[in-house]
C-alpha atoms as a PDB file:
ATOM      1  CA  MET A   1      94.681  91.817 104.174  1.00  0.00           C
ATOM      2  CA  LEU A   2      94.714  89.195 101.459  1.00  0.00           C
ATOM      3  CA  VAL A   3      94.304  91.841  98.742  1.00  0.00           C
ATOM      4  CA  ALA A   4      97.314  93.747 100.110  1.00  0.00           C
ATOM      5  CA  VAL A   5      99.427  90.587  99.969  1.00  0.00           C
ATOM      6  CA  GLY A   6      98.300  90.064  96.376  1.00  0.00           C
ATOM      7  CA  ALA A   7      99.308  93.645  95.571  1.00  0.00           C
ATOM      8  CA  LEU A   8     102.768  93.046  96.996  1.00  0.00           C
ATOM      9  CA  ALA A   9     103.102  89.864  94.937  1.00  0.00           C
ATOM     10  CA  SER A  10     102.033  91.763  91.817  1.00  0.00           C
ATOM     11  CA  PHE A  11     104.747  94.364  92.364  1.00  0.00           C
ATOM     12  CA  ILE A  12     107.347  91.633  92.861  1.00  0.00           C
ATOM     13  CA  ASN A  13     106.273  89.986  89.580  1.00  0.00           C
ATOM     14  CA  GLY A  14     106.468  93.307  87.725  1.00  0.00           C
ATOM     15  CA  GLU A  15     102.725  93.769  87.205  1.00  0.00           C
ATOM     16  CA  THR A  16     102.543  97.393  88.339  1.00  0.00           C
ATOM     17  CA  GLU A  17      99.052  98.180  87.034  1.00  0.00           C
ATOM     18  CA  LEU A  18      97.538  95.150  88.764  1.00  0.00           C
ATOM     19  CA  GLY A  19      99.402  96.023  91.965  1.00  0.00           C
ATOM     20  CA  ILE A  20      98.062  99.590  91.995  1.00  0.00           C
ATOM     21  CA  THR A  21      94.524  98.305  91.377  1.00  0.00           C
ATOM     22  CA  ALA A  22      94.889  95.824  94.235  1.00  0.00           C
ATOM     23  CA  ILE A  23      96.136  98.544  96.589  1.00  0.00           C
ATOM     24  CA  MET A  24      93.118 100.708  95.721  1.00  0.00           C
ATOM     25  CA  LEU A  25      90.780  97.773  96.389  1.00  0.00           C
ATOM     26  CA  ALA A  26      92.541  97.023  99.679  1.00  0.00           C
ATOM     27  CA  LEU A  27      92.001 100.641 100.755  1.00  0.00           C
ATOM     28  CA  LEU A  28      88.307 100.513  99.871  1.00  0.00           C
ATOM     29  CA  PHE A  29      87.748  97.221 101.701  1.00  0.00           C
ATOM     30  CA  SER A  30      89.624  98.341 104.795  1.00  0.00           C
ATOM     31  CA  PRO A  31      87.701  99.725 107.785  1.00  0.00           C
ATOM     32  CA  TYR A  32      88.944 103.211 106.877  1.00  0.00           C
ATOM     33  CA  GLY A  33      88.268 103.369 103.130  1.00  0.00           C
ATOM     34  CA  LEU A  34      84.527 103.437 102.521  1.00  0.00           C
ATOM     35  CA  PRO A  35      83.530 105.073 105.835  1.00  0.00           C
ATOM     36  CA  LEU A  36      86.042 107.874 105.221  1.00  0.00           C
ATOM     37  CA  ILE A  37      84.694 108.482 101.717  1.00  0.00           C
ATOM     38  CA  ALA A  38      81.117 108.436 103.039  1.00  0.00           C
ATOM     39  CA  SER A  39      81.926 110.940 105.785  1.00  0.00           C
ATOM     40  CA  LYS A  40      83.562 113.307 103.282  1.00  0.00           C
ATOM     41  CA  ILE A  41      80.465 113.127 101.076  1.00  0.00           C
ATOM     42  CA  ILE A  42      78.179 113.831 104.043  1.00  0.00           C
ATOM     43  CA  ILE A  43      80.319 116.807 105.101  1.00  0.00           C
ATOM     44  CA  GLY A  44      80.088 118.176 101.555  1.00  0.00           C
ATOM     45  CA  ILE A  45      76.323 117.744 101.430  1.00  0.00           C
ATOM     46  CA  GLU A  46      75.947 119.502 104.795  1.00  0.00           C
ATOM     47  CA  ALA A  47      78.071 122.410 103.550  1.00  0.00           C
ATOM     48  CA  VAL A  48      75.901 122.785 100.450  1.00  0.00           C
ATOM     49  CA  ASN A  49      72.781 122.558 102.624  1.00  0.00           C
ATOM     50  CA  LEU A  50      74.020 125.379 104.890  1.00  0.00           C
ATOM     51  CA  LYS A  51      74.848 127.570 101.890  1.00  0.00           C
ATOM     52  CA  ILE A  52      71.366 127.032 100.481  1.00  0.00           C
ATOM     53  CA  LYS A  53      69.769 127.887 103.843  1.00  0.00           C
ATOM     54  CA  ASN A  54      71.795 131.115 104.026  1.00  0.00           C
ATOM     55  CA  ILE A  55      70.405 132.378 100.725  1.00  0.00           C
END
């Protein structure tokens, strides 16, 4: 939450690059960021595994 507030403050001060970086960090640190990325990676690995088994 604190990172998102810092991102908003960065946009208000005109520091767009820092604001975008802070938003990306806020997404990663949220309960949805890293678990979502991990689940997508696992789904991809399972798909590759099934394709290898079908050969």
